[in-house]
Amino acid sequence: MRVIESCAECLYDKQRHLSNDPAYLSEIQEIIRNRAEDDSAPYLVYLFGKVYEKHFGPRKPYAEIKRKYNDLVLIREETIRRKIEDSDHPLQTALGYARVGNYIDFGAMNVVKDEEFLKLLEQADLVDRDQAVMESFLRQCAKAKRFLLIADNCGEIVLDKLFIEQLKKKFPQMEMTVMVRGGEVLNDATEEDAIYSGIDQVACIVSNGSTVAGTVYDMLSNEARTAIDSADVILAKGQGNYETLNGQGRHIFYAFLCKCELFTSRFSVPRLTGILVEENGA
């Protein structure tokens, strides 16, 4: 997904808040100026990270934050599971919860507020505009053998687990795979985080071999490429996965919250609106 000028300015401002060092910011500006037409925001942030480490050393890890939000959802897991199973449409309800989990994003969000997240959990249902895409998703799953969920953040991945539980119940013929990041990047889920969430109990876990906060196909491990290429149905979570996968000619379903102006403008919705969209790969 192309980085437009307003997005580039936002990316630069985020780096300026990290450091006012002139040499560092000069290199950041150079990366932005020389970006290629198909460079995505997550890829540019990956390059920024390399520059940051060169100047200042490794950034403080997100281990405590990731554990905090996995635990925040895990302690509510049984309550949410009961609400899902008691609903008229458990799979749709589970997807609504999984989409709300996308709020826990320390890349796109300037501030992640626990109370705002918990409030969103109380209004997680899919809405009328989601129904046509949901129906298409169900049709695709009914004839599929392999399902791939491309995960995003910690905390969110616990809700992804509840969604996959319902997906397995409705479509037991599908093999379930979850793809996670190949290394530490923001609060994105790695294999270690995925196992902590328990999602390994309902799906196979594949590391994508990359530390981009998205899914850049050319940077993926062979195992991750095979998982994408062989999947009959793909659901990609989060803005970063949308930015890096959209427009690549693949048939993918996306679920995320619109957390910045680029997305609210693209989809003509207010901030924190849930989006469920299908890219047909044409």
Protein backbone atom coordinates (compact mmCIF):
# COMPACT_ATOMS: atom_id res chain seq x y z
CA MET A 1 0.00 0.00 0.00
CA ARG A 2 1.60 3.26 -1.18
CA VAL A 3 2.87 5.71 1.44
CA ILE A 4 1.20 9.03 0.64
CA GLU A 5 2.69 12.34 1.76
CA SER A 6 0.48 12.79 4.82
CA CYS A 7 1.42 9.26 5.94
CA ALA A 8 5.10 10.04 5.40
CA GLU A 9 4.78 13.15 7.56
CA CYS A 10 3.13 11.11 10.31
CA LEU A 11 5.89 8.50 10.15
CA TYR A 12 8.52 11.23 10.46
CA ASP A 13 6.74 12.86 13.41
CA LYS A 14 6.72 9.55 15.27
CA GLN A 15 10.48 9.25 14.81
CA ARG A 16 10.98 12.85 15.89
CA HIS A 17 9.22 12.02 19.14
CA LEU A 18 11.71 9.20 19.67
CA SER A 19 14.73 11.48 19.24
CA ASN A 20 15.60 15.01 18.17
CA ASP A 21 19.11 13.95 17.16
CA PRO A 22 19.83 15.79 13.86
CA ALA A 23 21.95 13.01 12.39
CA TYR A 24 19.29 10.42 13.13
CA LEU A 25 16.44 12.51 11.72
CA SER A 26 18.49 13.31 8.63
CA GLU A 27 18.78 9.60 7.84
CA ILE A 28 15.07 9.12 8.48
CA GLN A 29 14.25 11.94 6.06
CA GLU A 30 16.53 10.36 3.48
CA ILE A 31 14.68 7.03 3.73
CA ILE A 32 11.34 8.80 3.34
CA ARG A 33 12.50 10.89 0.38
CA ASN A 34 13.94 7.88 -1.44
CA ARG A 35 11.07 5.49 -0.77
CA ALA A 36 10.00 3.33 -3.68
CA GLU A 37 6.49 3.43 -5.08
CA ASP A 38 5.60 0.08 -3.53
CA ASP A 39 7.31 0.59 -0.15
CA SER A 40 4.75 0.26 2.65
CA ALA A 41 4.71 2.11 5.97
CA PRO A 42 5.62 -1.04 7.96
CA TYR A 43 8.64 -1.58 5.71
CA LEU A 44 9.80 2.01 6.18
CA VAL A 45 9.43 1.64 9.95
CA TYR A 46 11.58 -1.50 9.69
CA LEU A 47 14.28 0.59 7.97
CA PHE A 48 13.91 3.31 10.62
CA GLY A 49 14.55 0.68 13.27
CA LYS A 50 17.86 -0.24 11.66
CA VAL A 51 18.92 3.40 11.73
CA TYR A 52 17.79 3.79 15.35
CA GLU A 53 19.86 0.83 16.47
CA LYS A 54 22.91 2.18 14.64
CA HIS A 55 22.66 5.48 16.52
CA PHE A 56 21.31 4.47 19.91
CA GLY A 57 21.43 0.69 20.26
CA PRO A 58 18.45 -1.68 20.64
CA ARG A 59 15.13 -0.17 21.63
CA LYS A 60 13.54 -1.16 24.90
CA PRO A 61 11.72 -4.47 24.34
CA TYR A 62 7.94 -4.74 24.61
CA ALA A 63 8.04 -7.99 26.60
CA GLU A 64 6.26 -6.56 29.66
CA ILE A 65 3.63 -4.81 27.53
CA LYS A 66 3.00 -7.94 25.48
CA ARG A 67 2.60 -10.09 28.58
CA LYS A 68 0.34 -7.46 30.17
CA TYR A 69 -2.12 -7.45 27.27
CA ASN A 70 -2.09 -11.19 26.77
CA ASP A 71 -2.93 -11.51 30.47
CA LEU A 72 -5.55 -8.74 30.27
CA VAL A 73 -7.47 -10.79 27.72
CA LEU A 74 -6.65 -14.23 29.13
CA ILE A 75 -8.30 -13.40 32.46
CA ARG A 76 -11.46 -12.54 30.49
CA GLU A 77 -11.20 -15.50 28.14
CA GLU A 78 -13.85 -17.71 29.71
CA THR A 79 -16.33 -14.84 30.03
CA ILE A 80 -15.86 -13.91 26.38
CA ARG A 81 -16.05 -17.54 25.30
CA ARG A 82 -19.41 -17.93 27.05
CA LYS A 83 -20.73 -14.79 25.35
CA ILE A 84 -19.61 -16.15 22.01
CA GLU A 85 -21.16 -19.57 22.54
CA ASP A 86 -24.41 -18.09 23.88
CA SER A 87 -24.84 -15.79 20.87
CA ASP A 88 -27.07 -16.54 17.90
CA HIS A 89 -24.08 -16.63 15.53
CA PRO A 90 -20.99 -17.72 17.48
CA LEU A 91 -18.53 -17.53 14.59
CA GLN A 92 -19.55 -14.01 13.62
CA THR A 93 -19.49 -12.93 17.25
CA ALA A 94 -16.03 -14.41 17.70
CA LEU A 95 -14.76 -12.54 14.65
CA GLY A 96 -16.18 -9.32 16.08
CA TYR A 97 -14.18 -9.85 19.26
CA ALA A 98 -11.05 -10.76 17.32
CA ARG A 99 -11.38 -7.56 15.29
CA VAL A 100 -11.75 -5.40 18.41
CA GLY A 101 -8.53 -6.95 19.71
CA ASN A 102 -6.74 -5.09 16.95
CA TYR A 103 -7.01 -1.98 19.13
CA ILE A 104 -3.95 -3.15 21.10
CA ASP A 105 -1.44 -1.65 18.67
CA PHE A 106 1.58 0.28 19.95
CA GLY A 107 2.63 1.13 16.39
CA ALA A 108 -0.46 2.84 15.00
CA MET A 109 -1.81 4.11 18.33
CA ASN A 110 -0.20 7.05 20.10
CA VAL A 111 -1.76 5.86 23.36
CA VAL A 112 -3.31 2.47 24.15
CA LYS A 113 -5.92 2.88 26.89
CA ASP A 114 -7.10 -0.18 28.80
CA GLU A 115 -10.48 1.37 29.54
CA GLU A 116 -11.05 2.23 25.88
CA PHE A 117 -10.21 -1.33 24.85
CA LEU A 118 -12.54 -2.82 27.45
CA LYS A 119 -15.32 -0.49 26.30
CA LEU A 120 -14.81 -1.63 22.71
CA LEU A 121 -15.13 -5.24 23.85
CA GLU A 122 -18.68 -4.43 24.96
CA GLN A 123 -19.63 -3.39 21.41
CA ALA A 124 -17.73 -5.97 19.37
CA ASP A 125 -20.55 -7.33 17.18
CA LEU A 126 -20.30 -7.27 13.42
CA VAL A 127 -22.62 -4.75 11.79
CA ASP A 128 -24.74 -4.66 8.64
CA ARG A 129 -21.90 -3.46 6.39
CA ASP A 130 -19.91 -6.58 7.34
CA GLN A 131 -22.54 -9.10 6.32
CA ALA A 132 -21.81 -9.44 2.60
CA VAL A 133 -18.10 -10.05 3.24
CA MET A 134 -18.90 -12.43 6.08
CA GLU A 135 -21.18 -14.44 3.82
CA SER A 136 -18.43 -14.66 1.20
CA PHE A 137 -15.98 -15.76 3.89
CA LEU A 138 -18.33 -18.55 4.98
CA ARG A 139 -18.79 -19.73 1.39
CA GLN A 140 -15.05 -19.87 0.86
CA CYS A 141 -14.47 -21.75 4.11
CA ALA A 142 -17.15 -24.31 3.29
CA LYS A 143 -15.07 -25.62 0.37
CA ALA A 144 -11.59 -24.98 1.81
CA LYS A 145 -9.02 -27.42 3.19
CA ARG A 146 -6.42 -24.98 4.54
CA PHE A 147 -7.06 -21.77 6.50
CA LEU A 148 -4.37 -19.24 7.38
CA LEU A 149 -4.76 -16.45 9.93
CA ILE A 150 -2.00 -13.84 9.70
CA ALA A 151 -1.82 -12.53 13.25
CA ASP A 152 -0.93 -9.07 14.48
CA ASN A 153 -0.70 -8.07 18.15
CA CYS A 154 -0.44 -9.62 21.59
CA GLY A 155 -3.72 -9.59 23.49
CA GLU A 156 -5.46 -9.63 20.13
CA ILE A 157 -4.09 -13.13 19.50
CA VAL A 158 -6.04 -14.49 22.49
CA LEU A 159 -9.24 -13.34 20.78
CA ASP A 160 -7.98 -14.82 17.52
CA LYS A 161 -7.79 -18.14 19.38
CA LEU A 162 -11.47 -17.90 20.33
CA PHE A 163 -12.32 -17.15 16.71
CA ILE A 164 -10.39 -20.18 15.45
CA GLU A 165 -12.16 -22.36 18.02
CA GLN A 166 -15.48 -21.43 16.42
CA LEU A 167 -14.08 -21.75 12.91
CA LYS A 168 -12.97 -25.32 13.67
CA LYS A 169 -16.42 -26.17 14.99
CA LYS A 170 -18.17 -24.91 11.88
CA PHE A 171 -15.62 -26.14 9.34
CA PRO A 172 -13.87 -29.19 10.83
CA GLN A 173 -12.40 -30.15 7.46
CA MET A 174 -10.03 -27.16 7.47
CA GLU A 175 -6.43 -27.30 8.67
CA MET A 176 -5.77 -24.21 10.80
CA THR A 177 -2.49 -22.27 10.66
CA VAL A 178 -1.52 -19.02 12.38
CA MET A 179 1.38 -16.93 11.11
CA VAL A 180 3.26 -14.71 13.57
CA ARG A 181 6.25 -12.37 13.37
CA GLY A 182 9.72 -13.85 13.12
CA GLY A 183 11.23 -11.64 15.81
CA GLU A 184 10.58 -8.81 18.23
CA VAL A 185 8.82 -5.83 16.67
CA LEU A 186 6.67 -3.49 18.78
CA ASN A 187 3.95 -5.50 20.55
CA ASP A 188 3.38 -7.85 17.62
CA ALA A 189 2.95 -11.52 18.46
CA THR A 190 5.88 -13.90 18.00
CA GLU A 191 5.85 -17.68 18.31
CA GLU A 192 6.62 -17.41 22.02
CA ASP A 193 3.69 -15.03 22.53
CA ALA A 194 1.39 -17.25 20.48
CA ILE A 195 2.19 -20.27 22.62
CA TYR A 196 1.63 -18.20 25.77
CA SER A 197 -1.81 -17.23 24.44
CA GLY A 198 -2.70 -20.90 23.89
CA ILE A 199 -3.44 -20.52 20.21
CA ASP A 200 -1.07 -23.42 19.49
CA GLN A 201 -3.78 -25.66 21.01
CA VAL A 202 -6.14 -24.92 18.10
CA ALA A 203 -3.79 -24.24 15.16
CA CYS A 204 -0.29 -24.82 13.84
CA ILE A 205 2.02 -21.84 14.33
CA VAL A 206 4.31 -20.59 11.56
CA SER A 207 6.94 -17.89 12.08
CA ASN A 208 7.20 -15.53 9.13
CA GLY A 209 10.97 -15.12 9.61
CA SER A 210 10.77 -11.32 9.47
CA THR A 211 10.74 -8.40 11.90
CA VAL A 212 8.58 -6.13 9.77
CA ALA A 213 5.30 -5.13 11.47
CA GLY A 214 3.43 -6.56 8.51
CA THR A 215 3.82 -9.27 5.88
CA VAL A 216 6.31 -8.43 3.11
CA TYR A 217 6.25 -11.52 0.93
CA ASP A 218 9.81 -11.19 -0.37
CA MET A 219 11.13 -11.07 3.21
CA LEU A 220 9.28 -14.18 4.44
CA SER A 221 10.78 -17.53 5.34
CA ASN A 222 10.20 -20.40 2.92
CA GLU A 223 7.80 -21.96 5.43
CA ALA A 224 5.78 -18.74 5.60
CA ARG A 225 5.64 -18.38 1.83
CA THR A 226 4.41 -21.95 1.55
CA ALA A 227 1.72 -21.26 4.15
CA ILE A 228 0.45 -18.27 2.16
CA ASP A 229 0.72 -19.92 -1.24
CA SER A 230 -1.06 -23.13 -0.14
CA ALA A 231 -3.87 -21.54 1.91
CA ASP A 232 -7.37 -21.75 0.47
CA VAL A 233 -8.64 -18.96 2.74
CA ILE A 234 -6.52 -16.21 4.31
CA LEU A 235 -7.62 -13.78 7.01
CA ALA A 236 -5.05 -11.05 7.71
CA LYS A 237 -5.42 -9.04 10.92
CA GLY A 238 -4.42 -5.42 11.41
CA GLN A 239 -3.49 -2.33 9.43
CA GLY A 240 0.14 -3.40 8.97
CA ASN A 241 -0.82 -6.65 7.28
CA TYR A 242 -3.29 -4.78 5.08
CA GLU A 243 -0.64 -2.22 4.09
CA THR A 244 1.89 -4.86 3.12
CA LEU A 245 -0.41 -7.42 1.47
CA ASN A 246 -3.08 -5.30 -0.24
CA GLY A 247 -2.65 -4.93 -3.98
CA GLN A 248 -0.40 -7.98 -4.36
CA GLY A 249 -2.93 -9.93 -6.41
CA ARG A 250 -4.00 -12.34 -3.66
CA HIS A 251 -7.45 -13.30 -2.47
CA ILE A 252 -7.39 -12.20 1.18
CA PHE A 253 -9.91 -11.22 3.83
CA TYR A 254 -8.83 -8.43 6.19
CA ALA A 255 -10.11 -7.51 9.64
CA PHE A 256 -8.87 -4.49 11.60
CA LEU A 257 -9.80 -1.26 13.34
CA CYS A 258 -9.17 2.04 11.55
CA LYS A 259 -6.72 3.77 13.87
CA CYS A 260 -5.24 6.57 11.77
CA GLU A 261 -6.33 9.15 9.22
CA LEU A 262 -5.03 7.13 6.27
CA PHE A 263 -7.51 4.35 7.05
CA THR A 264 -10.45 6.46 8.20
CA SER A 265 -10.18 8.40 4.93
CA ARG A 266 -9.74 5.32 2.78
CA PHE A 267 -12.84 3.65 4.21
CA SER A 268 -14.80 6.85 5.01
CA VAL A 269 -15.45 5.87 8.62
CA PRO A 270 -14.78 7.34 12.08
CA ARG A 271 -11.67 6.38 14.05
CA LEU A 272 -11.75 2.91 15.66
CA THR A 273 -14.40 1.63 13.25
CA GLY A 274 -14.07 -2.08 12.58
CA ILE A 275 -13.47 -3.09 8.98
CA LEU A 276 -14.03 -6.48 7.34
CA VAL A 277 -13.05 -6.40 3.70
CA GLU A 278 -12.35 -8.93 0.96
CA GLU A 279 -9.69 -8.47 -1.71
CA ASN A 280 -10.49 -10.74 -4.61
CA GLY A 281 -6.97 -10.81 -6.03
CA ALA A 282 -8.03 -9.56 -9.42
